[in-house]
């Protein structure tokens, strides 16, 4: 028999202080029955002597300090999992919102998960094809990696996230692949876009969606990525699937953390965010990876919008420390009408060399990637010089590099929202662009690769 308390001492926003409690644990699930007959759930956030601070998921409207019943359930928030979660849409607390039946769970898992022992981690090595040339060709995604997308307000990161979710696949292996998509703090229109995109392309059959809307409580937003990662861990490590987890938008998640921290009257850190922001983000990001002896894996793409496009803002700054690189979207490319507006120069995939090469993509992948990067960087410099001094100040070689930079953006970076390029098509496009440059400027690729790939393109 669960013990009920009628001893609420104080209510501040979504937080409720209950006194006179005994035997309560941190993270324990709480049920609240309001005087009007409605009910809500919460979680224990802090314990001190005989006090318990409870964060209420659905909000505290209608609460009464003398008549509201509080029950401590004795377990933490859990998510019921089975193979049937594939193809379903849930809210931020794991309740179905697609009109389908309740999930008959094989087991219930704690949403906080269990930390992966660093010694048990396996190194990410397998290439994941997203079908987007600017990612696959220049900054590839590797199975088990954490590769965030740094965006800005108004840039098309929802479309890019949906495109990756539709197209992503592990090459060369007949293994089950699933996508867990977690959306936090988004509008109804965005939620409708994501759900309809998955359903129209039949990607919903291998996907699990968690949707938290902007008008949902901030507390629910904090639970949403944990729900998604719990589902991913079940699919990966119990059902041996390769799982891609997309978390959008982590900025709204961090804003919710700041809101709760302010309600708790905690001493703020940088820009008002709590001092434990790094630790909290790491508990989510570090749930990705591979485990020795397990066939499955979790690859993570967190998406975040940088306030005022500032890379030094605490959210992108701390995310960059924890993850293995970043894909950065450019407002200048977006203004030019280029989709996806991925700026390949500041973007980085730290595990790039581990997932490409002979037997994984192609033996020329690393060389042509470095060649394209170097030529594009020089072309952009020459283009800026041309804007200041005029075209007459450029040498003939510089003009070719300017042409290369323009063609690189128009043909390599730019592609259709539903265009799914294979890695072979991406690499061939890169070699085709190299025909613009003088032969003696191809210093990042070997002579053997030039003979094998460049001649075929130029003669064709």
Protein backbone atom coordinates (compact mmCIF):
# COMPACT_ATOMS: atom_id res chain seq x y z
CA UNK A 1 0.00 0.00 0.00
CA UNK A 2 1.49 3.32 -1.10
CA UNK A 3 1.51 5.97 1.56
CA UNK A 4 -0.34 9.22 0.75
CA UNK A 5 0.72 12.65 1.97
CA UNK A 6 -1.36 15.82 2.37
CA UNK A 7 1.63 17.86 3.50
CA UNK A 8 2.47 20.17 0.58
CA UNK A 9 4.33 23.13 2.06
CA UNK A 10 5.07 25.27 -1.00
CA UNK A 11 4.47 25.48 -4.77
CA UNK A 12 6.81 27.38 -7.14
CA UNK A 13 6.06 26.97 -10.85
CA UNK A 14 6.34 23.25 -11.66
CA UNK A 15 7.99 22.49 -8.29
CA UNK A 16 6.18 21.21 -5.20
CA UNK A 17 7.77 20.94 -1.72
CA UNK A 18 6.36 18.07 0.37
CA UNK A 19 7.26 17.79 4.06
CA UNK A 20 7.13 14.91 6.53
CA UNK A 21 8.12 12.25 4.02
CA UNK A 22 10.11 9.09 4.79
CA UNK A 23 11.98 6.55 2.68
CA UNK A 24 11.85 8.63 -0.51
CA UNK A 25 14.58 8.22 -3.17
CA UNK A 26 16.03 10.65 -5.72
CA UNK A 27 14.35 10.30 -9.14
CA UNK A 28 11.37 8.41 -7.67
CA UNK A 29 8.07 8.65 -9.56
CA UNK A 30 5.31 10.65 -7.85
CA UNK A 31 1.53 10.67 -8.41
CA UNK A 32 -0.56 13.71 -7.47
CA UNK A 33 -4.38 13.75 -7.15
CA UNK A 34 -5.84 17.27 -7.33
CA UNK A 35 -9.07 18.36 -5.54
CA UNK A 36 -10.94 18.72 -8.86
CA UNK A 37 -10.46 15.02 -9.63
CA UNK A 38 -7.59 15.45 -12.12
CA UNK A 39 -4.20 13.88 -11.58
CA UNK A 40 -0.60 14.39 -12.61
CA UNK A 41 2.79 12.74 -12.35
CA UNK A 42 6.14 14.02 -11.18
CA UNK A 43 9.63 13.04 -10.14
CA UNK A 44 11.67 13.62 -6.98
CA UNK A 45 14.28 16.26 -7.75
CA UNK A 46 15.84 16.78 -4.32
CA UNK A 47 15.70 15.27 -0.82
CA UNK A 48 16.59 17.00 2.44
CA UNK A 49 15.84 15.47 5.88
CA UNK A 50 12.04 14.93 5.80
CA UNK A 51 11.45 17.20 2.77
CA UNK A 52 11.12 16.15 -0.86
CA UNK A 53 11.18 18.55 -3.81
CA UNK A 54 8.98 17.20 -6.63
CA UNK A 55 8.95 18.40 -10.25
CA UNK A 56 5.47 17.96 -11.74
CA UNK A 57 5.32 16.90 -15.40
CA UNK A 58 1.90 18.21 -16.44
CA UNK A 59 2.10 21.48 -14.46
CA UNK A 60 0.72 22.56 -11.10
CA UNK A 61 -2.44 24.41 -12.17
CA UNK A 62 -5.36 23.54 -9.86
CA UNK A 63 -3.12 22.35 -7.03
CA UNK A 64 -4.19 22.95 -3.41
CA UNK A 65 -1.63 22.76 -0.61
CA UNK A 66 -4.05 21.17 1.89
CA UNK A 67 -6.20 18.89 -0.29
CA UNK A 68 -3.82 17.56 -2.98
CA UNK A 69 -2.77 13.96 -2.33
CA UNK A 70 0.86 13.04 -3.04
CA UNK A 71 1.95 9.39 -3.49
CA UNK A 72 5.54 8.19 -3.87
CA UNK A 73 5.49 5.14 -6.16
CA UNK A 74 8.83 3.62 -5.14
CA UNK A 75 10.32 3.47 -8.66
CA UNK A 76 11.62 5.95 -11.23
CA UNK A 77 9.92 6.97 -14.48
CA UNK A 78 9.92 4.03 -16.90
CA UNK A 79 9.12 3.36 -20.55
CA UNK A 80 7.43 0.15 -21.66
CA UNK A 81 9.32 -1.32 -24.62
CA UNK A 82 8.80 -4.07 -27.20
CA UNK A 83 9.40 -4.41 -30.95
CA UNK A 84 5.93 -2.88 -31.41
CA UNK A 85 7.29 0.62 -30.63
CA UNK A 86 8.60 0.73 -34.22
CA UNK A 87 6.27 2.77 -36.40
CA UNK A 88 4.68 4.56 -33.45
CA UNK A 89 4.48 8.19 -32.33
CA UNK A 90 4.69 9.07 -28.61
CA UNK A 91 4.56 12.27 -26.56
CA UNK A 92 7.49 13.38 -24.41
CA UNK A 93 6.50 11.03 -21.59
CA UNK A 94 6.16 7.94 -23.77
CA UNK A 95 2.37 7.91 -24.21
CA UNK A 96 1.05 7.03 -27.72
CA UNK A 97 -0.40 10.03 -29.60
CA UNK A 98 -0.92 8.46 -33.02
CA UNK A 99 -4.35 6.98 -32.29
CA UNK A 100 -2.94 3.45 -32.09
CA UNK A 101 -3.33 0.98 -29.21
CA UNK A 102 -1.26 1.01 -26.05
CA UNK A 103 2.06 -0.83 -26.29
CA UNK A 104 2.05 -4.28 -24.68
CA UNK A 105 5.47 -4.05 -23.09
CA UNK A 106 7.97 -6.90 -22.96
CA UNK A 107 9.74 -5.01 -20.19
CA UNK A 108 9.84 -1.62 -18.48
CA UNK A 109 13.12 0.29 -18.55
CA UNK A 110 14.30 3.17 -16.36
CA UNK A 111 14.54 6.22 -18.66
CA UNK A 112 17.80 7.35 -17.03
CA UNK A 113 19.52 4.26 -18.43
CA UNK A 114 22.80 2.79 -17.28
CA UNK A 115 26.13 4.41 -18.08
CA UNK A 116 28.28 2.45 -20.55
CA UNK A 117 31.50 1.25 -18.95
CA UNK A 118 34.31 2.99 -20.92
CA UNK A 119 36.28 -0.29 -20.97
CA UNK A 120 33.31 -2.04 -22.64
CA UNK A 121 33.00 0.55 -25.42
CA UNK A 122 33.91 -0.54 -28.94
CA UNK A 123 35.50 1.94 -31.35
CA UNK A 124 33.22 3.44 -34.05
CA UNK A 125 34.42 2.20 -37.47
CA UNK A 126 31.54 1.67 -39.93
CA UNK A 127 30.47 4.34 -42.42
CA UNK A 128 26.82 5.48 -42.37
CA UNK A 129 25.52 6.86 -45.69
CA UNK A 130 23.17 9.81 -45.21
CA UNK A 131 22.76 10.50 -48.94
CA UNK A 132 23.94 14.12 -48.39
CA UNK A 133 27.24 14.80 -50.22
CA UNK A 134 28.45 17.58 -47.89
CA UNK A 135 28.28 15.09 -45.00
CA UNK A 136 29.19 11.78 -46.68
CA UNK A 137 32.00 13.19 -48.81
CA UNK A 138 33.57 15.74 -46.46
CA UNK A 139 32.60 14.95 -42.84
CA UNK A 140 31.26 11.38 -42.77
CA UNK A 141 29.09 9.95 -40.02
CA UNK A 142 30.46 6.77 -38.40
CA UNK A 143 28.37 4.13 -36.62
CA UNK A 144 28.49 4.80 -32.86
CA UNK A 145 29.51 8.45 -33.29
CA UNK A 146 27.97 11.62 -31.83
CA UNK A 147 27.89 14.24 -34.62
CA UNK A 148 25.78 17.34 -33.84
CA UNK A 149 24.32 19.84 -36.32
CA UNK A 150 24.89 23.48 -35.32
CA UNK A 151 22.18 25.61 -36.90
CA UNK A 152 20.60 29.03 -36.47
CA UNK A 153 17.08 30.42 -36.28
CA UNK A 154 15.36 30.21 -39.66
CA UNK A 155 17.84 27.77 -41.23
CA UNK A 156 16.44 24.51 -42.66
CA UNK A 157 17.68 22.12 -39.96
CA UNK A 158 14.24 20.43 -39.64
CA UNK A 159 14.36 19.49 -43.33
CA UNK A 160 17.97 18.25 -43.04
CA UNK A 161 17.13 16.20 -39.92
CA UNK A 162 14.11 14.65 -41.67
CA UNK A 163 16.18 13.93 -44.80
CA UNK A 164 18.91 12.17 -42.78
CA UNK A 165 16.25 10.17 -40.91
CA UNK A 166 14.66 9.06 -44.21
CA UNK A 167 17.88 8.22 -46.06
CA UNK A 168 20.44 7.00 -43.51
CA UNK A 169 21.69 3.44 -43.93
CA UNK A 170 24.69 1.28 -42.99
CA UNK A 171 26.50 0.18 -46.16
CA UNK A 172 27.47 -3.33 -47.13
CA UNK A 173 25.73 -5.17 -44.31
CA UNK A 174 22.33 -6.84 -44.15
CA UNK A 175 21.49 -5.63 -40.66
CA UNK A 176 18.38 -4.05 -39.20
CA UNK A 177 18.50 -0.26 -39.11
CA UNK A 178 16.12 1.95 -37.10
CA UNK A 179 15.68 5.66 -36.46
CA UNK A 180 14.61 7.15 -33.12
CA UNK A 181 13.48 10.74 -33.64
CA UNK A 182 13.05 13.03 -30.62
CA UNK A 183 11.62 16.53 -31.14
CA UNK A 184 11.59 18.95 -28.19
CA UNK A 185 9.83 22.29 -27.91
CA UNK A 186 8.70 22.37 -31.55
CA UNK A 187 5.55 23.98 -32.96
CA UNK A 188 2.48 22.01 -34.05
CA UNK A 189 3.32 22.76 -37.71
CA UNK A 190 6.83 21.31 -37.30
CA UNK A 191 5.46 18.24 -35.54
CA UNK A 192 2.93 17.72 -38.33
CA UNK A 193 5.74 18.12 -40.90
CA UNK A 194 7.94 15.48 -39.26
CA UNK A 195 5.11 12.96 -38.82
CA UNK A 196 3.80 13.41 -42.37
CA UNK A 197 7.36 13.18 -43.82
CA UNK A 198 7.94 9.85 -42.11
CA UNK A 199 4.55 8.47 -43.14
CA UNK A 200 4.69 9.59 -46.79
CA UNK A 201 8.08 7.97 -47.41
CA UNK A 202 7.28 4.80 -45.42
CA UNK A 203 10.27 5.60 -43.15
CA UNK A 204 7.80 5.41 -40.24
CA UNK A 205 7.99 1.60 -40.44
CA UNK A 206 11.54 1.60 -39.07
CA UNK A 207 11.19 4.70 -36.85
CA UNK A 208 10.07 5.64 -33.34
CA UNK A 209 8.98 9.27 -32.87
CA UNK A 210 8.81 11.24 -29.62
CA UNK A 211 7.13 14.64 -29.99
CA UNK A 212 7.17 17.39 -27.31
CA UNK A 213 5.38 20.55 -28.40
CA UNK A 214 6.29 24.12 -27.45
CA UNK A 215 3.18 24.47 -25.24
CA UNK A 216 3.90 21.24 -23.33
CA UNK A 217 5.40 21.60 -19.84
CA UNK A 218 9.12 22.28 -19.59
CA UNK A 219 9.51 19.30 -17.26
CA UNK A 220 8.24 16.96 -19.98
CA UNK A 221 10.86 18.44 -22.35
CA UNK A 222 13.62 17.27 -20.00
CA UNK A 223 12.25 13.71 -20.04
CA UNK A 224 11.80 13.52 -23.85
CA UNK A 225 15.42 12.77 -24.95
CA UNK A 226 15.76 10.26 -22.10
CA UNK A 227 12.65 8.45 -23.35
CA UNK A 228 14.07 8.39 -26.88
CA UNK A 229 17.47 7.10 -25.77
CA UNK A 230 15.82 4.40 -23.64
CA UNK A 231 13.94 3.19 -26.73
CA UNK A 232 17.20 3.32 -28.73
CA UNK A 233 19.10 1.28 -26.11
CA UNK A 234 16.41 -1.41 -26.20
CA UNK A 235 16.44 -1.61 -30.01
CA UNK A 236 20.25 -1.58 -30.18
CA UNK A 237 21.36 -3.77 -27.30
CA UNK A 238 18.37 -6.10 -26.90
CA UNK A 239 17.22 -6.46 -30.53
CA UNK A 240 20.69 -6.02 -32.12
CA UNK A 241 19.64 -3.15 -34.41
CA UNK A 242 21.72 -0.22 -35.62
CA UNK A 243 19.93 2.85 -34.32
CA UNK A 244 20.29 6.47 -35.43
CA UNK A 245 19.02 8.89 -32.78
CA UNK A 246 18.15 12.44 -33.89
CA UNK A 247 17.54 14.94 -31.06
CA UNK A 248 16.08 18.28 -32.14
CA UNK A 249 16.23 20.92 -30.74
CA UNK A 250 18.71 20.62 -27.84
CA UNK A 251 18.57 24.39 -27.33
CA UNK A 252 14.94 24.10 -26.19
CA UNK A 253 15.97 21.26 -23.87
CA UNK A 254 18.63 23.49 -22.28
CA UNK A 255 16.15 26.36 -21.98
CA UNK A 256 13.87 24.02 -20.00
CA UNK A 257 16.80 23.12 -17.72
CA UNK A 258 17.42 26.84 -17.13
CA UNK A 259 13.74 27.41 -16.35
CA UNK A 260 13.66 24.64 -13.75
CA UNK A 261 16.98 25.76 -12.30
CA UNK A 262 15.62 29.31 -11.83
CA UNK A 263 12.49 27.94 -10.13
CA UNK A 264 14.76 26.03 -7.71
CA UNK A 265 16.62 29.30 -6.99
CA UNK A 266 19.96 27.73 -7.91
CA UNK A 267 23.04 29.90 -8.40
CA UNK A 268 23.20 30.46 -12.19
CA UNK A 269 26.26 29.73 -14.35
CA UNK A 270 27.11 31.13 -17.81
CA UNK A 271 24.21 33.09 -19.38
CA UNK A 272 21.89 31.96 -16.58
CA UNK A 273 22.19 28.24 -17.39
CA UNK A 274 22.78 25.89 -14.43
CA UNK A 275 26.36 25.05 -13.54
CA UNK A 276 25.66 21.36 -14.21
CA UNK A 277 24.68 21.97 -17.87
CA UNK A 278 27.82 20.17 -19.12
CA UNK A 279 27.14 17.14 -16.93
CA UNK A 280 23.48 17.01 -17.90
CA UNK A 281 24.24 17.18 -21.64
CA UNK A 282 26.93 14.52 -21.24
CA UNK A 283 24.45 12.11 -19.58
CA UNK A 284 22.40 12.26 -22.80
CA UNK A 285 25.19 12.35 -25.40
CA UNK A 286 27.26 9.58 -23.80
CA UNK A 287 24.41 7.09 -24.16
CA UNK A 288 25.52 6.71 -27.80
CA UNK A 289 28.14 4.23 -28.89
CA UNK A 290 28.96 0.57 -29.43
CA UNK A 291 29.51 -2.12 -26.80
CA UNK A 292 31.98 -5.00 -27.20
CA UNK A 293 30.16 -8.25 -27.80
CA UNK A 294 26.93 -6.52 -28.89
CA UNK A 295 25.86 -6.41 -32.53
CA UNK A 296 23.77 -3.26 -32.21
CA UNK A 297 24.89 0.35 -31.96
CA UNK A 298 23.56 3.85 -31.21
CA UNK A 299 24.64 6.76 -33.41
CA UNK A 300 23.53 10.23 -32.35
CA UNK A 301 22.83 13.45 -34.27
CA UNK A 302 21.81 16.21 -31.83
CA UNK A 303 20.48 19.33 -33.58
CA UNK A 304 20.75 22.71 -31.87
CA UNK A 305 20.09 26.30 -32.88
CA UNK A 306 22.87 28.65 -31.82
CA UNK A 307 21.40 31.81 -30.24
CA UNK A 308 22.44 34.77 -32.45
CA UNK A 309 24.51 32.26 -34.53
CA UNK A 310 27.11 32.36 -31.72
CA UNK A 311 29.37 29.27 -31.63
CA UNK A 312 30.74 30.38 -28.23
CA UNK A 313 27.29 30.23 -26.62
CA UNK A 314 27.28 27.69 -23.74
CA UNK A 315 25.05 25.16 -25.53
CA UNK A 316 27.11 24.68 -28.75
CA UNK A 317 30.34 25.26 -26.82
CA UNK A 318 29.71 22.47 -24.30
CA UNK A 319 28.19 20.21 -26.96
CA UNK A 320 31.39 20.54 -29.00
CA UNK A 321 33.47 19.38 -26.03
CA UNK A 322 31.39 16.23 -25.53
CA UNK A 323 30.75 15.14 -29.11
CA UNK A 324 33.08 14.05 -31.95
CA UNK A 325 32.81 17.03 -34.27
CA UNK A 326 30.02 19.20 -35.66
CA UNK A 327 28.16 19.98 -38.89
CA UNK A 328 27.72 23.76 -39.18
CA UNK A 329 24.99 25.38 -41.27
CA UNK A 330 25.81 28.67 -43.02
CA UNK A 331 23.44 31.61 -43.24
CA UNK A 332 25.39 32.98 -46.24
CA UNK A 333 24.86 29.75 -48.21
CA UNK A 334 21.20 29.77 -47.22
CA UNK A 335 20.83 33.32 -48.59
CA UNK A 336 22.30 32.07 -51.89
CA UNK A 337 19.48 29.52 -52.08
CA UNK A 338 21.76 26.53 -51.49
CA UNK A 339 20.23 23.52 -49.76
CA UNK A 340 21.51 22.02 -47.53
CA UNK A 341 23.53 25.12 -46.49
CA UNK A 342 26.35 23.09 -44.89
CA UNK A 343 29.60 25.04 -44.47
CA UNK A 344 32.21 22.31 -44.91
CA UNK A 345 35.21 24.41 -43.80
CA UNK A 346 34.36 24.87 -40.08
CA UNK A 347 32.52 21.53 -39.96
CA UNK A 348 34.41 18.55 -38.58
CA UNK A 349 34.03 14.81 -38.08
CA UNK A 350 36.77 13.63 -35.71
CA UNK A 351 36.14 9.97 -36.56
CA UNK A 352 36.17 10.57 -40.32
CA UNK A 353 39.31 8.55 -41.07
CA UNK A 354 38.03 5.56 -39.05
CA UNK A 355 34.95 5.05 -41.22
CA UNK A 356 36.23 5.56 -44.77
CA UNK A 357 38.70 3.97 -47.15
CA UNK A 358 39.03 0.67 -48.95
CA UNK A 359 36.47 -1.90 -47.84
CA UNK A 360 34.29 0.77 -46.22
CA UNK A 361 33.69 3.45 -48.87
CA UNK A 362 36.45 3.67 -51.50
CA UNK A 363 40.25 3.88 -51.38
CA UNK A 364 40.28 7.44 -52.80
CA UNK A 365 37.76 8.86 -50.28
CA UNK A 366 40.28 10.41 -47.89
CA UNK A 367 42.43 11.90 -50.67
CA UNK A 368 39.60 13.43 -52.70
CA UNK A 369 37.98 14.78 -49.52
CA UNK A 370 41.22 16.55 -48.53
CA UNK A 371 41.68 17.84 -52.09
CA UNK A 372 38.16 19.29 -52.23
CA UNK A 373 38.59 20.88 -48.80
CA UNK A 374 41.92 22.54 -49.71
CA UNK A 375 40.70 23.75 -53.12
CA UNK A 376 37.44 25.15 -51.71
CA UNK A 377 39.32 26.99 -48.93
CA UNK A 378 41.70 28.56 -51.48
CA UNK A 379 38.80 29.39 -53.81
CA UNK A 380 36.92 31.20 -51.04
CA UNK A 381 40.03 33.23 -50.18
CA UNK A 382 40.49 34.19 -53.83
CA UNK A 383 36.81 35.11 -54.12
CA UNK A 384 37.05 37.44 -51.12
CA UNK A 385 40.19 39.01 -52.62
CA UNK A 386 38.34 39.52 -55.91
CA UNK A 387 35.52 41.34 -54.12
CA UNK A 388 38.01 43.76 -52.55
CA UNK A 389 40.54 44.28 -55.37
CA UNK A 390 38.59 43.26 -58.47
CA UNK A 391 39.02 40.33 -60.85
CA UNK A 392 42.09 41.91 -62.49
CA UNK A 393 44.09 41.33 -59.29
CA UNK A 394 43.72 37.55 -59.62
CA UNK A 395 46.05 35.21 -61.49
CA UNK A 396 44.63 32.72 -63.99
CA UNK A 397 45.08 29.95 -61.43
CA UNK A 398 43.22 31.97 -58.79
CA UNK A 399 40.34 32.47 -61.22
CA UNK A 400 40.09 28.72 -61.68
CA UNK A 401 39.94 28.27 -57.91
CA UNK A 402 37.14 30.88 -57.70
CA UNK A 403 35.27 28.95 -60.38
CA UNK A 404 35.88 25.75 -58.42
CA UNK A 405 34.46 27.29 -55.21
CA UNK A 406 31.31 28.43 -57.05
CA UNK A 407 30.83 25.05 -58.74
CA UNK A 408 31.52 23.22 -55.47
CA UNK A 409 28.69 25.10 -53.75
CA UNK A 410 26.28 24.82 -56.69
CA UNK A 411 26.89 21.16 -57.58
CA UNK A 412 28.46 19.34 -54.63
CA UNK A 413 26.97 21.02 -51.55
CA UNK A 414 23.62 21.85 -53.15
CA UNK A 415 21.22 18.98 -53.75
CA UNK A 416 17.50 18.29 -53.59
CA UNK A 417 15.64 17.68 -50.35
CA UNK A 418 14.64 14.22 -51.65
CA UNK A 419 17.88 13.53 -53.54
CA UNK A 420 19.62 10.52 -52.06
CA UNK A 421 23.20 10.30 -53.43
CA UNK A 422 25.26 7.15 -53.00
CA UNK A 423 28.84 7.56 -51.78
CA UNK A 424 30.05 6.55 -55.27
CA UNK A 425 28.01 9.37 -56.84
CA UNK A 426 29.42 11.82 -54.28
CA UNK A 427 33.04 10.80 -54.93
CA UNK A 428 32.56 10.87 -58.72
CA UNK A 429 31.11 14.37 -58.43
CA UNK A 430 34.20 15.40 -56.45
CA UNK A 431 36.55 14.08 -59.16
CA UNK A 432 34.45 15.82 -61.82
CA UNK A 433 34.94 19.15 -60.00
CA UNK A 434 38.71 18.55 -59.89
CA UNK A 435 38.83 18.79 -63.69
CA UNK A 436 38.32 22.56 -63.25
CA UNK A 437 41.72 22.86 -61.56
CA UNK A 438 45.16 22.66 -63.19
CA UNK A 439 46.60 19.15 -62.96
CA UNK A 440 49.65 20.36 -60.99
CA UNK A 441 47.37 21.75 -58.23
CA UNK A 442 46.02 18.29 -57.33
CA UNK A 443 48.46 17.76 -54.48
CA UNK A 444 46.23 15.90 -51.99
CA UNK A 445 45.52 12.84 -54.16
CA UNK A 446 48.01 10.23 -55.33
CA UNK A 447 49.16 9.88 -58.94
CA UNK A 448 47.58 6.43 -59.09
CA UNK A 449 44.20 7.83 -58.03
CA UNK A 450 44.46 10.65 -60.57
CA UNK A 451 45.12 8.15 -63.37
CA UNK A 452 42.29 5.90 -62.25
CA UNK A 453 39.54 8.45 -61.59
CA UNK A 454 40.38 11.84 -63.14
CA UNK A 455 41.09 10.60 -66.67
CA UNK A 456 37.81 8.71 -66.79
CA UNK A 457 35.92 11.87 -65.87
CA UNK A 458 37.77 14.21 -68.23
CA UNK A 459 37.54 11.84 -71.20
CA UNK A 460 33.87 11.21 -70.49
